[in-house]
Amino acid sequence: MIIKSMSRKDPSFTQLYDYITRDEAHDYHYSYTNNFILQDRDAIIQEFQRNAQLLTRRKNANYLYHEVISITRANGISEQQQKEILHKIVAEYVNSRARDCLVYGGLHDEKDNNLHFHLMISANRLNERSRYRLSKKQFDEIKKGLESHVLEKHPELEQELIINREAKETLSKNAAELKRRTGQIPERDLLKSKLEDIFKSAQNKTEFFNYLSKQKLEIYIRGKNVGIKDTQTGRNHRLKTLGLLEQFQELSQAIGLQLSHTKSSEDQAKTKNQTKQQKSPPETQQKTEDKKNDKENQESKNRDPKPQTQATGTQSEKHTQDSLSTKPEHQVPSRQCKIKELKKQFIRQAKQELQSKRKTRQKKHKPKQKGKH
């Protein structure tokens, strides 16, 4: 079973309705509607348009979705039975995907190898202004849940596991174009080749991690995802995306590598440092005693300083003792005092200059005394 979803940025309801109901492909007996009262063509298109006019206009916003649900034809049951089951599957899908939206659908049977349903789904719920949006994760969960339900409840359809199966290696469009145009192998292909060689060659855990180290690679685990970090480029690559998760799991079982305890080289380095710090009890006690003795010696030196040069007067002796008992780290305040003193001197000089300037101005502007006649 395959489920596809395509968004449309323009309200092309008429065009899509006519495509779904074209005579050569459409089986009218299995049409599907959701949240419609009238079932004729004009009424359905007008209702879609009326509901779309309620939407807040926004650039590059969606007006509707064109979605397809396809199943391969089964050999064990009739075509009519397959169509009836597919109609039920569509109803279950709409109920979980767009229960409150406008939906119109039609069944196409023109293909020899499959039957498929086309659906036209409004971007907003009925009579609402905001757009109804599912996240990629929510949409994937709906698709996976529907496939699991079909495989369990309708084995007579003979469908294969597609949506829920493990992801295989996929080349991006840019990588495929690079390979075709220049012949250069993309970085991810090179990494995959290295890892395949490592998985085939490693016979135990030690060899596995040694091979990774030689290729400048690190293994990491984030939640349920296992990946490889290329330390040269700093990029992370999930094994699932590379299509190597199954090979890694087989190797893990063979060499006894537990995924839950697999650590990156950074984590291993942290663990190694912690182990170094945790020494045996006798060594730890000896180190503690040495530190204690050093501390006591330092304190005794501070208490009994060496005799300094003689200072005259009782106050000078007291000042000398205070300065000697002071620790080196407490010499900063004396420096700050010098700075403060310099500031005070600067302020005094500035005030004196200002006063002298004022006196000079007063002398210049002092009126001259008139002489006696």
Protein backbone atom coordinates (compact mmCIF):
# COMPACT_ATOMS: atom_id res chain seq x y z
CA MET A 1 0.00 0.00 0.00
CA ILE A 2 1.20 3.49 -0.91
CA ILE A 3 -0.04 6.86 0.38
CA LYS A 4 0.96 10.10 -1.37
CA SER A 5 0.10 13.69 -0.47
CA MET A 6 0.48 16.71 -2.78
CA SER A 7 -0.40 20.26 -1.72
CA ARG A 8 -1.82 22.93 -4.04
CA LYS A 9 -1.24 26.66 -3.62
CA ASP A 10 -4.22 27.69 -5.76
CA PRO A 11 -7.95 26.84 -5.29
CA SER A 12 -8.16 24.53 -8.34
CA PHE A 13 -11.15 22.54 -7.04
CA THR A 14 -12.93 22.29 -10.40
CA GLN A 15 -9.89 20.95 -12.25
CA LEU A 16 -9.14 18.30 -9.63
CA TYR A 17 -12.79 17.23 -9.34
CA ASP A 18 -13.00 16.73 -13.11
CA TYR A 19 -9.73 14.77 -13.08
CA ILE A 20 -11.00 12.45 -10.35
CA THR A 21 -14.35 11.85 -12.08
CA ARG A 22 -13.07 11.35 -15.64
CA ASP A 23 -15.06 8.58 -17.31
CA GLU A 24 -12.27 6.29 -18.49
CA ALA A 25 -10.87 5.77 -14.98
CA HIS A 26 -13.57 6.54 -12.42
CA ASP A 27 -15.92 3.97 -10.88
CA TYR A 28 -18.93 6.02 -9.65
CA HIS A 29 -20.16 3.24 -7.39
CA TYR A 30 -17.28 3.88 -4.98
CA SER A 31 -17.19 7.68 -4.73
CA TYR A 32 -16.50 9.07 -1.28
CA THR A 33 -17.60 12.31 0.42
CA ASN A 34 -17.04 13.77 3.88
CA ASN A 35 -19.00 16.70 5.43
CA PHE A 36 -21.21 17.27 2.35
CA ILE A 37 -25.01 17.42 2.26
CA LEU A 38 -25.51 17.56 -1.52
CA GLN A 39 -23.61 15.08 -3.68
CA ASP A 40 -23.77 16.59 -7.18
CA ARG A 41 -20.78 18.13 -8.95
CA ASP A 42 -21.71 21.83 -8.72
CA ALA A 43 -22.73 21.62 -5.06
CA ILE A 44 -19.46 19.93 -4.08
CA ILE A 45 -17.27 22.43 -5.98
CA GLN A 46 -19.22 25.44 -4.63
CA GLU A 47 -18.89 24.16 -1.06
CA PHE A 48 -15.13 23.74 -1.49
CA GLN A 49 -14.85 27.29 -2.87
CA ARG A 50 -17.06 28.81 -0.15
CA ASN A 51 -15.02 27.14 2.58
CA ALA A 52 -11.74 28.25 0.97
CA GLN A 53 -12.86 31.90 0.95
CA LEU A 54 -12.83 31.83 4.75
CA LEU A 55 -9.08 31.22 4.80
CA THR A 56 -6.74 34.02 5.76
CA ARG A 57 -4.88 35.01 2.62
CA ARG A 58 -1.18 34.35 2.86
CA LYS A 59 1.60 34.07 0.31
CA ASN A 60 2.48 30.49 -0.73
CA ALA A 61 -0.26 29.08 1.50
CA ASN A 62 -2.08 25.83 0.70
CA TYR A 63 -5.71 25.76 -0.43
CA LEU A 64 -6.19 22.01 -0.80
CA TYR A 65 -4.45 18.63 -0.82
CA HIS A 66 -4.52 16.00 -3.55
CA GLU A 67 -3.81 12.63 -1.95
CA VAL A 68 -3.67 9.10 -3.34
CA ILE A 69 -4.10 5.73 -1.61
CA SER A 70 -3.02 2.79 -3.74
CA ILE A 71 -3.09 -0.99 -3.23
CA THR A 72 -1.71 -3.73 -5.47
CA ARG A 73 -4.28 -6.07 -6.99
CA ALA A 74 -4.74 -9.36 -5.12
CA ASN A 75 -5.23 -12.74 -6.77
CA GLY A 76 -7.23 -14.45 -4.02
CA ILE A 77 -10.37 -12.25 -4.06
CA SER A 78 -12.48 -10.55 -6.71
CA GLU A 79 -11.99 -6.99 -7.93
CA GLN A 80 -15.30 -5.92 -6.42
CA GLN A 81 -14.25 -7.20 -2.99
CA GLN A 82 -10.95 -5.33 -3.28
CA LYS A 83 -12.80 -2.11 -4.16
CA GLU A 84 -15.12 -2.47 -1.18
CA ILE A 85 -12.20 -3.00 1.18
CA LEU A 86 -10.30 -0.06 -0.35
CA HIS A 87 -13.38 2.15 0.19
CA LYS A 88 -13.36 1.17 3.89
CA ILE A 89 -9.63 1.88 4.12
CA VAL A 90 -10.20 5.36 2.67
CA ALA A 91 -12.92 6.06 5.24
CA GLU A 92 -10.56 5.02 8.06
CA TYR A 93 -7.79 7.18 6.63
CA VAL A 94 -10.01 10.28 6.35
CA ASN A 95 -11.29 9.72 9.89
CA SER A 96 -7.75 9.97 11.28
CA ARG A 97 -6.30 12.41 8.72
CA ALA A 98 -9.04 15.01 8.02
CA ARG A 99 -12.20 14.19 9.95
CA ASP A 100 -13.46 17.81 10.08
CA CYS A 101 -12.35 18.84 6.58
CA LEU A 102 -14.20 18.70 3.29
CA VAL A 103 -13.18 15.56 1.39
CA TYR A 104 -14.20 14.20 -1.98
CA GLY A 105 -12.74 11.01 -3.43
CA GLY A 106 -13.04 8.69 -6.38
CA LEU A 107 -11.75 5.20 -7.17
CA HIS A 108 -9.67 4.58 -10.33
CA ASP A 109 -9.30 1.09 -11.77
CA GLU A 110 -7.61 1.77 -15.13
CA LYS A 111 -4.27 0.25 -14.04
CA ASP A 112 -3.69 -3.47 -14.43
CA ASN A 113 -1.52 -3.88 -11.34
CA ASN A 114 -3.27 -1.64 -8.77
CA LEU A 115 -6.43 0.05 -7.56
CA HIS A 116 -6.15 3.56 -6.19
CA PHE A 117 -8.27 6.32 -4.64
CA HIS A 118 -7.83 10.04 -5.40
CA LEU A 119 -8.83 12.40 -2.60
CA MET A 120 -9.42 16.17 -2.64
CA ILE A 121 -9.06 17.56 0.91
CA SER A 122 -9.70 21.15 2.00
CA ALA A 123 -6.83 22.98 3.70
CA ASN A 124 -9.09 24.16 6.52
CA ARG A 125 -11.71 22.47 8.64
CA LEU A 126 -15.33 23.16 7.75
CA ASN A 127 -16.23 26.84 8.41
CA GLU A 128 -12.86 27.66 10.00
CA ARG A 129 -10.45 30.43 9.00
CA SER A 130 -7.19 28.83 10.06
CA ARG A 131 -5.47 26.12 8.06
CA TYR A 132 -5.44 22.59 9.41
CA ARG A 133 -1.90 21.30 9.39
CA LEU A 134 -0.33 18.00 10.36
CA SER A 135 3.34 17.79 11.20
CA LYS A 136 5.50 15.36 9.24
CA LYS A 137 5.73 13.14 12.30
CA GLN A 138 1.93 13.07 12.77
CA PHE A 139 1.36 12.30 9.09
CA ASP A 140 3.93 9.48 9.16
CA GLU A 141 2.26 7.99 12.23
CA ILE A 142 -1.13 8.02 10.47
CA LYS A 143 0.31 6.30 7.39
CA LYS A 144 2.17 3.68 9.42
CA GLY A 145 -0.85 3.03 11.60
CA LEU A 146 -3.11 2.56 8.58
CA GLU A 147 -0.70 0.15 6.91
CA SER A 148 -0.38 -1.90 10.09
CA HIS A 149 -4.18 -2.02 10.36
CA VAL A 150 -4.58 -3.16 6.74
CA LEU A 151 -1.94 -5.89 7.06
CA GLU A 152 -3.54 -7.18 10.24
CA LYS A 153 -7.25 -6.92 9.36
CA HIS A 154 -7.14 -7.53 5.60
CA PRO A 155 -4.50 -10.17 4.81
CA GLU A 156 -6.63 -11.19 1.81
CA LEU A 157 -5.43 -8.04 0.02
CA GLU A 158 -1.91 -9.57 -0.09
CA GLN A 159 -0.15 -6.25 0.53
CA GLU A 160 3.57 -5.99 1.23
CA LEU A 161 5.19 -4.07 4.08
CA ILE A 162 6.27 -0.76 2.55
CA ILE A 163 5.61 2.24 4.80
CA ASN A 164 6.82 0.60 8.02
CA ARG A 165 9.89 -1.15 6.67
CA GLU A 166 13.41 0.04 7.47
CA ALA A 167 14.70 2.89 5.32
CA LYS A 168 17.22 1.94 2.67
CA GLU A 169 20.03 4.04 1.32
CA THR A 170 18.77 7.03 -0.64
CA LEU A 171 20.88 9.37 -2.72
CA SER A 172 19.95 13.02 -2.63
CA LYS A 173 19.22 14.74 -5.94
CA ASN A 174 22.40 16.82 -5.66
CA ALA A 175 24.54 13.72 -4.99
CA ALA A 176 23.02 11.81 -7.90
CA GLU A 177 23.54 14.78 -10.22
CA LEU A 178 27.17 15.14 -9.09
CA LYS A 179 27.78 11.46 -9.76
CA ARG A 180 26.23 11.69 -13.23
CA ARG A 181 27.85 14.97 -14.28
CA THR A 182 31.41 14.75 -12.91
CA GLY A 183 31.86 11.08 -12.10
CA GLN A 184 32.98 11.98 -8.59
CA ILE A 185 31.74 9.78 -5.78
CA PRO A 186 29.75 11.75 -3.20
CA GLU A 187 31.03 11.95 0.36
CA ARG A 188 28.23 9.75 1.69
CA ASP A 189 29.00 7.00 -0.82
CA LEU A 190 32.65 7.01 0.24
CA LEU A 191 31.64 6.79 3.88
CA LYS A 192 29.30 3.91 3.17
CA SER A 193 32.06 2.03 1.35
CA LYS A 194 34.43 2.49 4.30
CA LEU A 195 31.84 1.27 6.79
CA GLU A 196 30.97 -1.78 4.70
CA ASP A 197 34.65 -2.77 4.68
CA ILE A 198 34.87 -2.25 8.45
CA PHE A 199 31.74 -4.32 9.12
CA LYS A 200 33.11 -7.16 7.00
CA SER A 201 36.64 -7.07 8.45
CA ALA A 202 36.05 -6.55 12.18
CA GLN A 203 36.22 -9.82 14.15
CA ASN A 204 35.90 -8.33 17.64
CA LYS A 205 35.25 -5.07 19.47
CA THR A 206 38.91 -4.05 19.54
CA GLU A 207 39.33 -4.43 15.79
CA PHE A 208 36.04 -2.62 15.19
CA PHE A 209 37.04 0.49 17.16
CA ASN A 210 40.60 0.39 15.75
CA TYR A 211 39.28 0.38 12.19
CA LEU A 212 36.98 3.29 12.99
CA SER A 213 39.88 5.22 14.52
CA LYS A 214 42.11 4.66 11.46
CA GLN A 215 39.38 6.03 9.20
CA LYS A 216 38.88 8.96 11.63
CA LEU A 217 35.32 7.90 12.39
CA GLU A 218 33.39 7.78 15.65
CA ILE A 219 30.22 5.93 16.58
CA TYR A 220 27.47 7.71 18.50
CA ILE A 221 24.00 6.91 19.86
CA ARG A 222 21.22 9.47 20.28
CA GLY A 223 18.09 7.90 21.64
CA LYS A 224 17.25 5.03 19.29
CA ASN A 225 19.42 6.33 16.44
CA VAL A 226 22.89 4.91 15.83
CA GLY A 227 25.23 6.95 13.68
CA ILE A 228 28.78 7.61 12.57
CA LYS A 229 30.60 10.93 12.93
CA ASP A 230 33.27 11.86 10.41
CA THR A 231 35.80 13.73 12.55
CA GLN A 232 37.46 15.27 9.47
CA THR A 233 34.29 17.02 8.29
CA GLY A 234 32.43 17.09 11.62
CA ARG A 235 29.30 15.66 9.98
CA ASN A 236 27.03 13.02 11.48
CA HIS A 237 25.49 10.23 9.41
CA ARG A 238 22.79 7.87 10.66
CA LEU A 239 23.32 4.22 9.81
CA LYS A 240 19.63 3.94 9.01
CA THR A 241 19.93 6.67 6.37
CA LEU A 242 23.02 5.01 4.92
CA GLY A 243 21.17 1.70 4.71
CA LEU A 244 23.70 -0.01 6.99
CA LEU A 245 21.69 -0.43 10.18
CA GLU A 246 20.95 -4.13 9.57
CA GLN A 247 24.62 -4.89 8.86
CA PHE A 248 25.65 -3.06 12.01
CA GLN A 249 23.11 -4.98 14.10
CA GLU A 250 24.41 -8.28 12.70
CA LEU A 251 27.99 -7.26 13.50
CA SER A 252 26.97 -6.17 17.02
CA GLN A 253 25.48 -9.59 17.71
CA ALA A 254 28.53 -11.35 16.30
CA ILE A 255 31.13 -9.45 18.36
CA GLY A 256 28.94 -8.87 21.42
CA LEU A 257 28.67 -5.11 20.99
CA GLN A 258 25.82 -3.72 23.09
CA LEU A 259 24.16 -0.71 21.47
CA SER A 260 22.95 0.76 24.74
CA HIS A 261 26.52 0.93 26.03
CA THR A 262 28.25 1.98 22.83
CA LYS A 263 30.00 5.30 23.37
CA SER A 264 31.64 7.88 21.17
CA SER A 265 35.34 8.59 21.55
CA GLU A 266 34.50 11.75 23.52
CA ASP A 267 32.49 9.73 26.04
CA GLN A 268 35.27 7.14 26.22
CA ALA A 269 37.83 9.88 26.95
CA LYS A 270 35.64 11.25 29.75
CA THR A 271 35.29 7.78 31.25
CA LYS A 272 39.06 7.26 31.00
CA ASN A 273 39.76 10.52 32.82
CA GLN A 274 37.28 9.61 35.55
CA THR A 275 38.99 6.23 35.96
CA LYS A 276 42.39 7.89 36.31
CA GLN A 277 41.05 10.17 39.01
CA GLN A 278 39.69 7.21 40.99
CA LYS A 279 43.01 5.85 42.36
CA SER A 280 43.57 3.13 44.91
CA PRO A 281 42.88 4.01 48.63
CA PRO A 282 46.56 3.96 49.82
CA GLU A 283 47.63 6.36 47.05
CA THR A 284 44.71 8.65 47.78
CA GLN A 285 45.52 8.71 51.51
CA GLN A 286 49.21 9.44 50.83
CA LYS A 287 48.29 12.30 48.49
CA THR A 288 45.91 13.75 51.08
CA GLU A 289 48.59 13.59 53.79
CA ASP A 290 51.15 15.30 51.53
CA LYS A 291 48.73 18.13 50.82
CA LYS A 292 48.00 18.47 54.54
CA ASN A 293 51.72 18.68 55.40
CA ASP A 294 52.34 21.29 52.70
CA LYS A 295 49.47 23.38 54.05
CA GLU A 296 50.83 23.21 57.62
CA ASN A 297 54.33 24.24 56.46
CA GLN A 298 52.89 27.21 54.61
CA GLU A 299 50.91 28.33 57.65
CA SER A 300 54.00 28.08 59.88
CA LYS A 301 55.97 30.23 57.45
CA ASN A 302 53.27 32.87 57.54
CA ARG A 303 53.23 32.84 61.36
CA ASP A 304 57.04 33.01 61.75
CA PRO A 305 58.42 35.28 59.07
CA LYS A 306 62.11 35.95 58.64
CA PRO A 307 63.49 39.00 60.54
CA GLN A 308 63.45 42.15 58.47
CA THR A 309 65.61 45.26 58.65
CA GLN A 310 65.29 47.30 61.82
CA ALA A 311 62.69 50.01 61.82
CA THR A 312 62.79 52.95 64.19
CA GLY A 313 59.94 53.62 66.57
CA THR A 314 57.14 51.47 67.90
CA GLN A 315 54.76 52.39 65.10
CA SER A 316 57.23 51.37 62.40
CA GLU A 317 57.77 47.97 64.08
CA LYS A 318 54.02 47.42 64.27
CA HIS A 319 53.63 48.44 60.62
CA THR A 320 56.44 46.05 59.63
CA GLN A 321 54.82 43.13 61.44
CA ASP A 322 51.44 43.85 59.86
CA SER A 323 52.92 44.05 56.39
CA LEU A 324 54.84 40.80 56.89
CA SER A 325 51.81 38.92 58.19
CA THR A 326 49.81 40.01 55.17
CA LYS A 327 49.56 37.35 52.41
CA PRO A 328 50.70 38.16 48.86
CA GLU A 329 47.16 38.07 47.50
CA HIS A 330 46.14 40.85 49.94
CA GLN A 331 48.68 43.36 48.52
CA VAL A 332 46.14 44.62 45.98
CA PRO A 333 44.44 47.14 48.37
CA SER A 334 47.77 49.07 48.84
CA ARG A 335 47.99 49.47 45.09
CA GLN A 336 44.43 50.71 45.00
CA CYS A 337 45.30 53.25 47.72
CA LYS A 338 48.12 54.61 45.55
CA ILE A 339 45.73 54.99 42.66
CA LYS A 340 43.22 56.81 44.87
CA GLU A 341 45.99 59.12 46.13
CA LEU A 342 47.04 59.96 42.59
CA LYS A 343 43.43 60.75 41.72
CA LYS A 344 43.18 63.08 44.71
CA GLN A 345 46.40 64.87 43.67
CA PHE A 346 45.09 65.28 40.15
CA ILE A 347 41.80 66.72 41.46
CA ARG A 348 43.70 69.16 43.73
CA GLN A 349 45.86 70.37 40.86
CA ALA A 350 42.80 70.81 38.66
CA LYS A 351 41.04 72.85 41.35
CA GLN A 352 44.13 75.06 41.84
CA GLU A 353 44.40 75.71 38.10
CA LEU A 354 40.70 76.52 37.93
CA GLN A 355 41.00 79.00 40.82
CA SER A 356 44.00 80.69 39.24
CA LYS A 357 42.12 81.08 35.95
CA ARG A 358 39.15 82.62 37.74
CA LYS A 359 41.42 85.16 39.49
CA THR A 360 43.01 86.08 36.17
CA ARG A 361 39.59 86.66 34.60
CA GLN A 362 38.47 88.80 37.53
CA LYS A 363 41.55 91.02 37.18
CA LYS A 364 40.94 91.52 33.47
CA HIS A 365 37.28 92.47 33.89
CA LYS A 366 37.85 94.67 36.99
CA PRO A 367 36.71 98.27 36.16
CA LYS A 368 39.43 100.96 36.24
CA GLN A 369 39.07 103.66 38.92
CA LYS A 370 38.50 107.13 37.53
CA GLY A 371 41.07 109.77 38.51
CA LYS A 372 40.11 112.83 40.59
CA HIS A 373 39.65 116.09 38.67
